[in-house]
Structure formats: structure tokens, C-alpha cells
Amino acid sequence: MTGVSGGTTYQDGRKNHGPSMPGNLVLPAPNAYRSIFRKQDGSYDWETEMDYGFGLIDAASVGSLAAVIVEPVMSSGGMIVLPEGYLKRLHMHCEKRGMLLIVDEAQTAIGRCGAMFGFEAYDIVPDILTLSKTLGNGLPLSAVVTSDEIAQKAAEEHFLFYTTHVNDPLPCAVGAKVLNIVIRDNLIENSANMGDLFRSELKKLQAKYNQIGDIRGRGLMTGVEIIKPETREADGELAGKLADRMMELGLSANLISVPAFGGVFRIAPPITISKEEIMQGVEIFNKSFEEFLG
């Protein structure tokens, strides 16, 4: 919510706030469903899209680029899953320019993506990893994880980041217990299995309703894009009606329902969720669609 942090999001909800902070540039989001970058066979050409994006950044910068910040699943972007190989190629571009790769896993870490960390699916280790939400499981706890080399450089430069409750033992104890429970109860495996089940059931609904344009996700992070079938335009109005009806039936089916997210349901149930609860949620999805679309 701070100015500099907000300047890195390029979210629709930032409109009318005046100029962004200077020095923030943006790469195209790797949205396989929406991107205009296509190979001859029609498949998504994310490699060319990334190269094109860095070409624009090089043209807009003076060569003093510091870092790329990215999420393994872009939650606020509409639950966009990075393509296979994406982080490795991104790291290559960073090394070429002397930049660091920062992976923000506030939402995606600690089992949420069906792995302890979302970056594990890409065979790359970031220079800096940021953790929060899933680490504290509701308590305000965050962490910055980096290499000994970068930590030493920060110490030598007398870098200071300080808050009143830095290293507070209570949230730290909670974070340690969260990690213990996630491992003890096999919640990473549960997240992967329940996420696969949920999306497979949703795809059965997609076969019935062409208003479901795309279903995507990893682990227990799922995006369901509601569209106008004639134009493939996002249908935020229908999505809002569906979300309201699902809530009436007992299902909170969206992380946040605001116009800025268009027609995408952003779904992230607890990683302790059971098969019975998944199926109950799918049934409410189905009932809501039946009521509105027949």
C-alpha cells in the first residue's frame, strides 16, 4: 500500500492516483489466455513476449536496472501461472543486465502452490525471496530470505530496515509452528491434490457453460475467468452476480470482489481443505451457474 510498492503493481485499481513512482518499469504479464504473442500453431509464445518486454525496458532505462520483482502465480493479476521455464529465462535476462531476481511469495509459499515455495517448479533459486501472509497464517509476520553474499553486502553498506516489532518472538513462534504443522500434516501434498481435483471438476462446468473462458492455477490457487462468449470480453457483471449468489448459498468464492479484477474469480481455499469440502464448493458453483444461465 506504500507509494513505491504500489508503483510496482500496475493494477487497474491504481487509476487516478497521479504518476507512479519514477524508476518503475513493467514487463508484460504472461497471460496465456489473453496474450497477442502467438506461434504459427496458435500456441502462446511467452519467450518472444518476454524478450520484447525487456527490449522496451532497455529503451526506457538508462542502464541502471536493479531488479525484477515477480510472483510464481500472479494473484492480483488474475491467478496467472508463470509458464514452464519462465523464471529461468527471466533470471538469464537479469544476469545479462546485472539485476537481481526477487520472487514475492507472500501468497504462494508454504504449501499454497502445492510446494513449499512456488519457485521450486521452475528449477531456479531467486536472489531474494519475500514471505508474509502464508508464513504467519493470519498473524503479521514477514521475512526476507537471501544469500550470504547479498546479506554481507547489505551489512557492509549499513543498510537499515527497522520496525517496532522486528524480531518479535510471538509471531516468530507462530511462524515456526506453521512450518511444523504444514510438514507434519502433509499439507503440501494435500494442496497439490485438492487443487488438481478442484480444477478438474471446474473444467466439467466449463464444458457446460461457455461463459467460463479459462481455468488456471497451481495447488490451491485457482483463477476462473468469466467472459462474454461472443467477444471473449471479461464479464465482471456476471461474475459479480455469481459471486453474490454463491455467498448466499454459503460459499465465499472470491478472495476479493472488486471491479478492478474484472471477471476473474480468485480462489484460494485453506490448504487443510478436504475432498468433501471441495465437492461441496463445486456443487454451489454449479447451482449458481444453473440459476443464472440455465
C-alpha atoms as a PDB file:
ATOM      1  CA  MET A   1       0.000   0.000   0.000  1.00  0.00           C
ATOM      2  CA  THR A   2       3.026   2.337   0.132  1.00  0.00           C
ATOM      3  CA  GLY A   3       3.774   4.549  -2.832  1.00  0.00           C
ATOM      4  CA  VAL A   4       6.839   2.700  -4.067  1.00  0.00           C
ATOM      5  CA  SER A   5       5.257  -0.739  -3.546  1.00  0.00           C
ATOM      6  CA  GLY A   6       2.066   0.411  -5.256  1.00  0.00           C
ATOM      7  CA  GLY A   7       4.161   1.623  -8.165  1.00  0.00           C
ATOM      8  CA  THR A   8       5.231  -1.941  -8.940  1.00  0.00           C
ATOM      9  CA  THR A   9       1.728  -3.395  -9.329  1.00  0.00           C
ATOM     10  CA  TYR A  10       0.218  -1.672 -12.391  1.00  0.00           C
ATOM     11  CA  GLN A  11      -3.178  -2.823 -11.191  1.00  0.00           C
ATOM     12  CA  ASP A  12      -6.382  -1.328 -12.549  1.00  0.00           C
ATOM     13  CA  GLY A  13      -7.307  -0.064  -9.078  1.00  0.00           C
ATOM     14  CA  ARG A  14      -4.334   2.348  -9.114  1.00  0.00           C
ATOM     15  CA  LYS A  15      -6.058   4.630 -11.648  1.00  0.00           C
ATOM     16  CA  ASN A  16      -6.405   8.373 -10.976  1.00  0.00           C
ATOM     17  CA  HIS A  17      -3.655   8.398  -8.341  1.00  0.00           C
ATOM     18  CA  GLY A  18      -1.320  10.512 -10.439  1.00  0.00           C
ATOM     19  CA  PRO A  19       2.052   9.350 -11.814  1.00  0.00           C
ATOM     20  CA  SER A  20       3.691   6.216 -10.486  1.00  0.00           C
ATOM     21  CA  MET A  21       6.989   6.410  -8.640  1.00  0.00           C
ATOM     22  CA  PRO A  22       9.880   7.140 -11.034  1.00  0.00           C
ATOM     23  CA  GLY A  23      12.134   4.223 -11.849  1.00  0.00           C
ATOM     24  CA  ASN A  24       9.429   1.556 -12.011  1.00  0.00           C
ATOM     25  CA  LEU A  25       9.104  -0.190 -15.371  1.00  0.00           C
ATOM     26  CA  VAL A  26       6.885  -3.106 -16.325  1.00  0.00           C
ATOM     27  CA  LEU A  27       7.099  -6.379 -18.223  1.00  0.00           C
ATOM     28  CA  PRO A  28       4.013  -7.811 -19.957  1.00  0.00           C
ATOM     29  CA  ALA A  29       2.147 -10.209 -17.705  1.00  0.00           C
ATOM     30  CA  PRO A  30       2.464 -13.750 -19.136  1.00  0.00           C
ATOM     31  CA  ASN A  31      -1.260 -14.230 -19.641  1.00  0.00           C
ATOM     32  CA  ALA A  32      -1.544 -17.247 -21.946  1.00  0.00           C
ATOM     33  CA  TYR A  33      -5.298 -16.729 -22.386  1.00  0.00           C
ATOM     34  CA  ARG A  34      -5.072 -13.057 -23.380  1.00  0.00           C
ATOM     35  CA  SER A  35      -1.626 -12.502 -24.903  1.00  0.00           C
ATOM     36  CA  ILE A  36      -1.305 -11.444 -28.547  1.00  0.00           C
ATOM     37  CA  PHE A  37       2.089 -13.211 -28.799  1.00  0.00           C
ATOM     38  CA  ARG A  38       1.453 -16.461 -30.676  1.00  0.00           C
ATOM     39  CA  LYS A  39       3.463 -19.037 -32.574  1.00  0.00           C
ATOM     40  CA  GLN A  40       2.382 -20.220 -36.018  1.00  0.00           C
ATOM     41  CA  ASP A  41       0.388 -23.064 -34.479  1.00  0.00           C
ATOM     42  CA  GLY A  42      -1.503 -20.595 -32.255  1.00  0.00           C
ATOM     43  CA  SER A  43       0.216 -21.600 -29.019  1.00  0.00           C
ATOM     44  CA  TYR A  44       1.416 -18.960 -26.573  1.00  0.00           C
ATOM     45  CA  ASP A  45       4.873 -17.512 -27.363  1.00  0.00           C
ATOM     46  CA  TRP A  46       5.926 -16.233 -23.938  1.00  0.00           C
ATOM     47  CA  GLU A  47       9.628 -16.270 -24.830  1.00  0.00           C
ATOM     48  CA  THR A  48       9.191 -13.667 -27.577  1.00  0.00           C
ATOM     49  CA  GLU A  49       6.861 -11.684 -25.325  1.00  0.00           C
ATOM     50  CA  MET A  50       9.490 -11.565 -22.564  1.00  0.00           C
ATOM     51  CA  ASP A  51      12.268 -10.597 -24.983  1.00  0.00           C
ATOM     52  CA  TYR A  52      10.048  -7.842 -26.393  1.00  0.00           C
ATOM     53  CA  GLY A  53       9.285  -6.598 -22.883  1.00  0.00           C
ATOM     54  CA  PHE A  54      12.965  -6.377 -21.984  1.00  0.00           C
ATOM     55  CA  GLY A  55      13.594  -4.529 -25.231  1.00  0.00           C
ATOM     56  CA  LEU A  56      11.110  -1.867 -24.115  1.00  0.00           C
ATOM     57  CA  ILE A  57      12.699  -1.724 -20.659  1.00  0.00           C
ATOM     58  CA  ASP A  58      16.172  -1.293 -22.147  1.00  0.00           C
ATOM     59  CA  ALA A  59      14.863   1.556 -24.306  1.00  0.00           C
ATOM     60  CA  ALA A  60      13.179   3.258 -21.326  1.00  0.00           C
ATOM     61  CA  SER A  61      16.049   2.895 -18.849  1.00  0.00           C
ATOM     62  CA  VAL A  62      19.490   4.451 -18.503  1.00  0.00           C
ATOM     63  CA  GLY A  63      21.066   1.071 -17.808  1.00  0.00           C
ATOM     64  CA  SER A  64      20.988   1.228 -14.007  1.00  0.00           C
ATOM     65  CA  LEU A  65      18.419  -1.528 -13.565  1.00  0.00           C
ATOM     66  CA  ALA A  66      18.259  -3.044 -10.072  1.00  0.00           C
ATOM     67  CA  ALA A  67      15.876  -5.998 -10.000  1.00  0.00           C
ATOM     68  CA  VAL A  68      12.820  -7.747 -11.345  1.00  0.00           C
ATOM     69  CA  ILE A  69      10.018  -8.493  -8.857  1.00  0.00           C
ATOM     70  CA  VAL A  70       7.673 -11.330  -9.800  1.00  0.00           C
ATOM     71  CA  GLU A  71       5.205 -13.795  -8.260  1.00  0.00           C
ATOM     72  CA  PRO A  72       5.160 -17.505  -9.272  1.00  0.00           C
ATOM     73  CA  VAL A  73       1.386 -17.146  -9.573  1.00  0.00           C
ATOM     74  CA  MET A  74       0.291 -13.570 -10.197  1.00  0.00           C
ATOM     75  CA  SER A  75      -2.652 -13.488  -7.829  1.00  0.00           C
ATOM     76  CA  SER A  76      -3.887  -9.922  -8.212  1.00  0.00           C
ATOM     77  CA  GLY A  77      -3.207 -10.207 -11.938  1.00  0.00           C
ATOM     78  CA  GLY A  78      -5.925 -12.854 -12.172  1.00  0.00           C
ATOM     79  CA  MET A  79      -4.228 -16.023 -10.882  1.00  0.00           C
ATOM     80  CA  ILE A  80      -1.839 -16.112 -13.833  1.00  0.00           C
ATOM     81  CA  VAL A  81       0.563 -19.073 -13.596  1.00  0.00           C
ATOM     82  CA  LEU A  82       4.052 -18.430 -14.946  1.00  0.00           C
ATOM     83  CA  PRO A  83       4.780 -20.726 -17.910  1.00  0.00           C
ATOM     84  CA  GLU A  84       7.246 -23.597 -17.508  1.00  0.00           C
ATOM     85  CA  GLY A  85      10.777 -22.256 -17.886  1.00  0.00           C
ATOM     86  CA  TYR A  86       9.684 -18.649 -17.326  1.00  0.00           C
ATOM     87  CA  LEU A  87      11.716 -17.923 -14.190  1.00  0.00           C
ATOM     88  CA  LYS A  88      14.862 -19.485 -15.657  1.00  0.00           C
ATOM     89  CA  ARG A  89      14.683 -17.264 -18.744  1.00  0.00           C
ATOM     90  CA  LEU A  90      13.835 -14.268 -16.555  1.00  0.00           C
ATOM     91  CA  HIS A  91      16.930 -14.987 -14.458  1.00  0.00           C
ATOM     92  CA  MET A  92      19.000 -15.128 -17.634  1.00  0.00           C
ATOM     93  CA  HIS A  93      17.790 -11.652 -18.625  1.00  0.00           C
ATOM     94  CA  CYS A  94      18.567 -10.384 -15.105  1.00  0.00           C
ATOM     95  CA  GLU A  95      22.117 -11.754 -15.145  1.00  0.00           C
ATOM     96  CA  LYS A  96      22.717 -10.168 -18.555  1.00  0.00           C
ATOM     97  CA  ARG A  97      21.858  -6.743 -17.086  1.00  0.00           C
ATOM     98  CA  GLY A  98      23.393  -7.165 -13.633  1.00  0.00           C
ATOM     99  CA  MET A  99      19.958  -7.293 -11.993  1.00  0.00           C
ATOM    100  CA  LEU A 100      18.655  -9.323  -9.069  1.00  0.00           C
ATOM    101  CA  LEU A 101      15.661 -11.640  -9.322  1.00  0.00           C
ATOM    102  CA  ILE A 102      13.214 -11.054  -6.461  1.00  0.00           C
ATOM    103  CA  VAL A 103      10.405 -13.580  -6.084  1.00  0.00           C
ATOM    104  CA  ASP A 104       7.485 -12.366  -3.979  1.00  0.00           C
ATOM    105  CA  GLU A 105       5.802 -15.343  -2.328  1.00  0.00           C
ATOM    106  CA  ALA A 106       3.522 -13.531   0.107  1.00  0.00           C
ATOM    107  CA  GLN A 107       0.622 -15.625  -1.177  1.00  0.00           C
ATOM    108  CA  THR A 108       2.258 -18.553  -2.963  1.00  0.00           C
ATOM    109  CA  ALA A 109       4.647 -20.022  -0.381  1.00  0.00           C
ATOM    110  CA  ILE A 110       4.263 -22.512   2.495  1.00  0.00           C
ATOM    111  CA  GLY A 111       2.260 -25.085   0.543  1.00  0.00           C
ATOM    112  CA  ARG A 112      -0.209 -22.850  -1.229  1.00  0.00           C
ATOM    113  CA  CYS A 113       1.091 -23.800  -4.708  1.00  0.00           C
ATOM    114  CA  GLY A 114       1.450 -27.499  -3.955  1.00  0.00           C
ATOM    115  CA  ALA A 115       5.104 -26.991  -2.972  1.00  0.00           C
ATOM    116  CA  MET A 116       6.800 -25.335  -0.032  1.00  0.00           C
ATOM    117  CA  PHE A 117       7.714 -22.449  -2.354  1.00  0.00           C
ATOM    118  CA  GLY A 118       6.212 -21.605  -5.722  1.00  0.00           C
ATOM    119  CA  PHE A 119       9.592 -21.010  -7.357  1.00  0.00           C
ATOM    120  CA  GLU A 120      10.501 -24.690  -6.894  1.00  0.00           C
ATOM    121  CA  ALA A 121       8.532 -25.595 -10.023  1.00  0.00           C
ATOM    122  CA  TYR A 122      10.962 -23.590 -12.181  1.00  0.00           C
ATOM    123  CA  ASP A 123      14.368 -25.114 -11.299  1.00  0.00           C
ATOM    124  CA  ILE A 124      15.758 -21.747 -10.216  1.00  0.00           C
ATOM    125  CA  VAL A 125      16.628 -20.129  -6.891  1.00  0.00           C
ATOM    126  CA  PRO A 126      15.875 -16.385  -6.677  1.00  0.00           C
ATOM    127  CA  ASP A 127      18.376 -13.870  -5.336  1.00  0.00           C
ATOM    128  CA  ILE A 128      15.809 -12.591  -2.840  1.00  0.00           C
ATOM    129  CA  LEU A 129      12.651 -14.317  -1.580  1.00  0.00           C
ATOM    130  CA  THR A 130       9.936 -12.422   0.294  1.00  0.00           C
ATOM    131  CA  LEU A 131       7.432 -14.186   2.542  1.00  0.00           C
ATOM    132  CA  SER A 132       4.476 -12.971   4.581  1.00  0.00           C
ATOM    133  CA  LYS A 133       0.755 -13.913   4.593  1.00  0.00           C
ATOM    134  CA  THR A 134       1.076 -17.702   4.457  1.00  0.00           C
ATOM    135  CA  LEU A 135       4.039 -17.657   6.857  1.00  0.00           C
ATOM    136  CA  GLY A 136       2.129 -16.093   9.738  1.00  0.00           C
ATOM    137  CA  ASN A 137      -1.203 -17.798   8.933  1.00  0.00           C
ATOM    138  CA  GLY A 138      -3.109 -14.642   9.893  1.00  0.00           C
ATOM    139  CA  LEU A 139      -0.571 -13.020  12.201  1.00  0.00           C
ATOM    140  CA  PRO A 140       1.506 -10.108  10.863  1.00  0.00           C
ATOM    141  CA  LEU A 141       4.762 -11.903  10.081  1.00  0.00           C
ATOM    142  CA  SER A 142       7.061 -11.445   7.105  1.00  0.00           C
ATOM    143  CA  ALA A 143      10.572 -12.434   6.118  1.00  0.00           C
ATOM    144  CA  VAL A 144      13.203 -11.543   3.538  1.00  0.00           C
ATOM    145  CA  VAL A 145      15.397 -14.505   2.588  1.00  0.00           C
ATOM    146  CA  THR A 146      18.564 -14.029   0.583  1.00  0.00           C
ATOM    147  CA  SER A 147      22.098 -15.322   0.022  1.00  0.00           C
ATOM    148  CA  ASP A 148      25.028 -14.835   2.395  1.00  0.00           C
ATOM    149  CA  GLU A 149      26.685 -12.703  -0.283  1.00  0.00           C
ATOM    150  CA  ILE A 150      23.796 -10.246  -0.567  1.00  0.00           C
ATOM    151  CA  ALA A 151      23.302 -10.183   3.210  1.00  0.00           C
ATOM    152  CA  GLN A 152      27.001  -9.362   3.682  1.00  0.00           C
ATOM    153  CA  LYS A 153      26.798  -6.583   1.100  1.00  0.00           C
ATOM    154  CA  ALA A 154      23.800  -5.084   2.930  1.00  0.00           C
ATOM    155  CA  ALA A 155      25.736  -5.217   6.214  1.00  0.00           C
ATOM    156  CA  GLU A 156      28.821  -3.584   4.690  1.00  0.00           C
ATOM    157  CA  GLU A 157      26.679  -0.774   3.268  1.00  0.00           C
ATOM    158  CA  HIS A 158      24.985  -0.300   6.683  1.00  0.00           C
ATOM    159  CA  PHE A 159      21.580  -0.942   5.187  1.00  0.00           C
ATOM    160  CA  LEU A 160      18.873  -0.432   7.809  1.00  0.00           C
ATOM    161  CA  PHE A 161      15.303  -1.634   7.851  1.00  0.00           C
ATOM    162  CA  TYR A 162      13.603  -1.283  11.180  1.00  0.00           C
ATOM    163  CA  THR A 163      10.112  -1.603  12.626  1.00  0.00           C
ATOM    164  CA  THR A 164       8.825  -1.535  16.204  1.00  0.00           C
ATOM    165  CA  HIS A 165       8.102  -5.251  16.210  1.00  0.00           C
ATOM    166  CA  VAL A 166      11.039  -6.533  14.187  1.00  0.00           C
ATOM    167  CA  ASN A 167      12.033  -9.989  15.503  1.00  0.00           C
ATOM    168  CA  ASP A 168       9.026 -10.039  17.845  1.00  0.00           C
ATOM    169  CA  PRO A 169       9.124 -13.528  19.429  1.00  0.00           C
ATOM    170  CA  LEU A 170       5.343 -14.121  19.372  1.00  0.00           C
ATOM    171  CA  PRO A 171       4.758 -14.031  15.575  1.00  0.00           C
ATOM    172  CA  CYS A 172       8.107 -15.780  15.074  1.00  0.00           C
ATOM    173  CA  ALA A 173       6.900 -18.639  17.288  1.00  0.00           C
ATOM    174  CA  VAL A 174       3.675 -18.801  15.282  1.00  0.00           C
ATOM    175  CA  GLY A 175       5.611 -18.890  12.005  1.00  0.00           C
ATOM    176  CA  ALA A 176       7.800 -21.740  13.263  1.00  0.00           C
ATOM    177  CA  LYS A 177       4.682 -23.652  14.334  1.00  0.00           C
ATOM    178  CA  VAL A 178       3.011 -23.071  10.958  1.00  0.00           C
ATOM    179  CA  LEU A 179       6.008 -24.604   9.183  1.00  0.00           C
ATOM    180  CA  ASN A 180       5.951 -27.531  11.588  1.00  0.00           C
ATOM    181  CA  ILE A 181       2.252 -28.237  11.005  1.00  0.00           C
ATOM    182  CA  VAL A 182       2.463 -27.889   7.213  1.00  0.00           C
ATOM    183  CA  ILE A 183       5.200 -30.538   7.140  1.00  0.00           C
ATOM    184  CA  ARG A 184       3.736 -32.736   9.886  1.00  0.00           C
ATOM    185  CA  ASP A 185       0.259 -32.958   8.338  1.00  0.00           C
ATOM    186  CA  ASN A 186       1.379 -33.342   4.691  1.00  0.00           C
ATOM    187  CA  LEU A 187      -0.471 -30.168   3.742  1.00  0.00           C
ATOM    188  CA  ILE A 188       1.755 -29.543   0.715  1.00  0.00           C
ATOM    189  CA  GLU A 189       0.622 -32.816  -0.835  1.00  0.00           C
ATOM    190  CA  ASN A 190      -2.974 -32.058   0.141  1.00  0.00           C
ATOM    191  CA  SER A 191      -2.757 -28.659  -1.554  1.00  0.00           C
ATOM    192  CA  ALA A 192      -1.495 -30.204  -4.792  1.00  0.00           C
ATOM    193  CA  ASN A 193      -4.094 -32.996  -4.823  1.00  0.00           C
ATOM    194  CA  MET A 194      -7.086 -30.869  -3.832  1.00  0.00           C
ATOM    195  CA  GLY A 195      -6.118 -28.149  -6.312  1.00  0.00           C
ATOM    196  CA  ASP A 196      -5.966 -30.694  -9.143  1.00  0.00           C
ATOM    197  CA  LEU A 197      -9.343 -32.122  -8.094  1.00  0.00           C
ATOM    198  CA  PHE A 198     -10.942 -28.684  -7.904  1.00  0.00           C
ATOM    199  CA  ARG A 199      -9.786 -27.613 -11.367  1.00  0.00           C
ATOM    200  CA  SER A 200     -10.769 -30.947 -12.929  1.00  0.00           C
ATOM    201  CA  GLU A 201     -14.289 -30.530 -11.526  1.00  0.00           C
ATOM    202  CA  LEU A 202     -14.456 -26.910 -12.685  1.00  0.00           C
ATOM    203  CA  LYS A 203     -13.484 -27.996 -16.206  1.00  0.00           C
ATOM    204  CA  LYS A 204     -16.613 -30.169 -16.253  1.00  0.00           C
ATOM    205  CA  LEU A 205     -18.611 -26.989 -15.651  1.00  0.00           C
ATOM    206  CA  GLN A 206     -16.607 -25.227 -18.369  1.00  0.00           C
ATOM    207  CA  ALA A 207     -17.799 -27.871 -20.827  1.00  0.00           C
ATOM    208  CA  LYS A 208     -21.393 -26.909 -19.942  1.00  0.00           C
ATOM    209  CA  TYR A 209     -21.036 -23.120 -19.804  1.00  0.00           C
ATOM    210  CA  ASN A 210     -19.076 -21.206 -22.418  1.00  0.00           C
ATOM    211  CA  GLN A 211     -19.175 -18.194 -20.104  1.00  0.00           C
ATOM    212  CA  ILE A 212     -16.249 -19.870 -18.331  1.00  0.00           C
ATOM    213  CA  GLY A 213     -13.451 -18.703 -20.591  1.00  0.00           C
ATOM    214  CA  ASP A 214     -10.409 -20.000 -18.758  1.00  0.00           C
ATOM    215  CA  ILE A 215      -9.485 -22.066 -15.712  1.00  0.00           C
ATOM    216  CA  ARG A 216      -5.919 -21.850 -14.442  1.00  0.00           C
ATOM    217  CA  GLY A 217      -3.926 -22.323 -11.290  1.00  0.00           C
ATOM    218  CA  ARG A 218      -1.406 -24.296  -9.290  1.00  0.00           C
ATOM    219  CA  GLY A 219      -2.038 -26.027  -5.989  1.00  0.00           C
ATOM    220  CA  LEU A 220      -4.823 -24.268  -4.126  1.00  0.00           C
ATOM    221  CA  MET A 221      -4.616 -21.062  -6.144  1.00  0.00           C
ATOM    222  CA  THR A 222      -7.194 -21.090  -8.919  1.00  0.00           C
ATOM    223  CA  GLY A 223      -8.475 -18.487 -11.355  1.00  0.00           C
ATOM    224  CA  VAL A 224     -11.805 -18.815 -13.175  1.00  0.00           C
ATOM    225  CA  GLU A 225     -12.299 -16.202 -15.886  1.00  0.00           C
ATOM    226  CA  ILE A 226     -15.906 -15.284 -16.717  1.00  0.00           C
ATOM    227  CA  ILE A 227     -16.404 -13.897 -20.218  1.00  0.00           C
ATOM    228  CA  LYS A 228     -18.944 -12.811 -22.799  1.00  0.00           C
ATOM    229  CA  PRO A 229     -18.668 -15.782 -25.206  1.00  0.00           C
ATOM    230  CA  GLU A 230     -19.334 -13.715 -28.338  1.00  0.00           C
ATOM    231  CA  THR A 231     -16.324 -11.449 -27.828  1.00  0.00           C
ATOM    232  CA  ARG A 232     -14.254 -13.162 -25.074  1.00  0.00           C
ATOM    233  CA  GLU A 233     -14.507  -9.851 -23.198  1.00  0.00           C
ATOM    234  CA  ALA A 234     -14.294 -10.142 -19.410  1.00  0.00           C
ATOM    235  CA  ASP A 235     -17.789 -10.143 -17.902  1.00  0.00           C
ATOM    236  CA  GLY A 236     -17.371  -8.580 -14.487  1.00  0.00           C
ATOM    237  CA  GLU A 237     -21.108  -8.001 -14.134  1.00  0.00           C
ATOM    238  CA  LEU A 238     -21.991 -11.687 -14.467  1.00  0.00           C
ATOM    239  CA  ALA A 239     -19.055 -12.666 -12.248  1.00  0.00           C
ATOM    240  CA  GLY A 240     -20.324 -10.302  -9.558  1.00  0.00           C
ATOM    241  CA  LYS A 241     -23.828 -11.765  -9.683  1.00  0.00           C
ATOM    242  CA  LEU A 242     -22.467 -15.298  -9.485  1.00  0.00           C
ATOM    243  CA  ALA A 243     -20.235 -14.408  -6.541  1.00  0.00           C
ATOM    244  CA  ASP A 244     -23.136 -12.818  -4.663  1.00  0.00           C
ATOM    245  CA  ARG A 245     -25.339 -15.857  -5.203  1.00  0.00           C
ATOM    246  CA  MET A 246     -22.582 -18.238  -4.122  1.00  0.00           C
ATOM    247  CA  MET A 247     -22.188 -16.229  -0.924  1.00  0.00           C
ATOM    248  CA  GLU A 248     -25.920 -16.543  -0.280  1.00  0.00           C
ATOM    249  CA  LEU A 249     -25.543 -20.316  -0.668  1.00  0.00           C
ATOM    250  CA  GLY A 250     -22.691 -20.400   1.844  1.00  0.00           C
ATOM    251  CA  LEU A 251     -19.589 -20.195  -0.348  1.00  0.00           C
ATOM    252  CA  SER A 252     -17.053 -17.374  -0.276  1.00  0.00           C
ATOM    253  CA  ALA A 253     -15.796 -17.966  -3.809  1.00  0.00           C
ATOM    254  CA  ASN A 254     -13.533 -14.971  -4.378  1.00  0.00           C
ATOM    255  CA  LEU A 255     -10.587 -13.502  -2.480  1.00  0.00           C
ATOM    256  CA  ILE A 256     -11.974 -10.033  -3.138  1.00  0.00           C
ATOM    257  CA  SER A 257     -14.827  -8.920  -5.355  1.00  0.00           C
ATOM    258  CA  VAL A 258     -13.986  -5.529  -6.828  1.00  0.00           C
ATOM    259  CA  PRO A 259     -14.335  -4.233 -10.410  1.00  0.00           C
ATOM    260  CA  ALA A 260     -10.538  -3.865 -10.724  1.00  0.00           C
ATOM    261  CA  PHE A 261     -10.205  -7.652 -11.019  1.00  0.00           C
ATOM    262  CA  GLY A 262     -12.583  -7.842 -13.980  1.00  0.00           C
ATOM    263  CA  GLY A 263     -14.377 -11.146 -14.388  1.00  0.00           C
ATOM    264  CA  VAL A 264     -11.823 -13.407 -12.701  1.00  0.00           C
ATOM    265  CA  PHE A 265     -12.681 -15.452  -9.638  1.00  0.00           C
ATOM    266  CA  ARG A 266      -9.530 -15.607  -7.493  1.00  0.00           C
ATOM    267  CA  ILE A 267      -9.963 -18.702  -5.349  1.00  0.00           C
ATOM    268  CA  ALA A 268      -7.619 -19.813  -2.546  1.00  0.00           C
ATOM    269  CA  PRO A 269      -9.253 -22.150  -0.016  1.00  0.00           C
ATOM    270  CA  PRO A 270      -7.338 -23.289   3.095  1.00  0.00           C
ATOM    271  CA  ILE A 271      -4.643 -25.869   2.379  1.00  0.00           C
ATOM    272  CA  THR A 272      -6.298 -28.079   5.021  1.00  0.00           C
ATOM    273  CA  ILE A 273      -9.385 -28.424   2.811  1.00  0.00           C
ATOM    274  CA  SER A 274     -10.893 -31.895   2.345  1.00  0.00           C
ATOM    275  CA  LYS A 275     -12.246 -33.645  -0.743  1.00  0.00           C
ATOM    276  CA  GLU A 276     -15.784 -33.359   0.677  1.00  0.00           C
ATOM    277  CA  GLU A 277     -15.420 -29.588   1.076  1.00  0.00           C
ATOM    278  CA  ILE A 278     -14.052 -29.241  -2.463  1.00  0.00           C
ATOM    279  CA  MET A 279     -17.031 -31.124  -3.879  1.00  0.00           C
ATOM    280  CA  GLN A 280     -19.455 -29.056  -1.782  1.00  0.00           C
ATOM    281  CA  GLY A 281     -17.912 -25.883  -3.188  1.00  0.00           C
ATOM    282  CA  VAL A 282     -18.143 -27.192  -6.757  1.00  0.00           C
ATOM    283  CA  GLU A 283     -21.799 -28.028  -6.219  1.00  0.00           C
ATOM    284  CA  ILE A 284     -22.517 -24.444  -5.142  1.00  0.00           C
ATOM    285  CA  PHE A 285     -20.641 -23.212  -8.213  1.00  0.00           C
ATOM    286  CA  ASN A 286     -22.800 -25.464 -10.366  1.00  0.00           C
ATOM    287  CA  LYS A 287     -26.051 -24.397  -8.713  1.00  0.00           C
ATOM    288  CA  SER A 288     -25.252 -20.717  -9.146  1.00  0.00           C
ATOM    289  CA  PHE A 289     -24.464 -21.169 -12.837  1.00  0.00           C
ATOM    290  CA  GLU A 290     -27.668 -23.144 -13.347  1.00  0.00           C
ATOM    291  CA  GLU A 291     -29.745 -20.392 -11.782  1.00  0.00           C
ATOM    292  CA  PHE A 292     -28.288 -17.644 -13.957  1.00  0.00           C
ATOM    293  CA  LEU A 293     -27.564 -19.485 -17.196  1.00  0.00           C
ATOM    294  CA  GLY A 294     -29.908 -22.459 -17.160  1.00  0.00           C
END
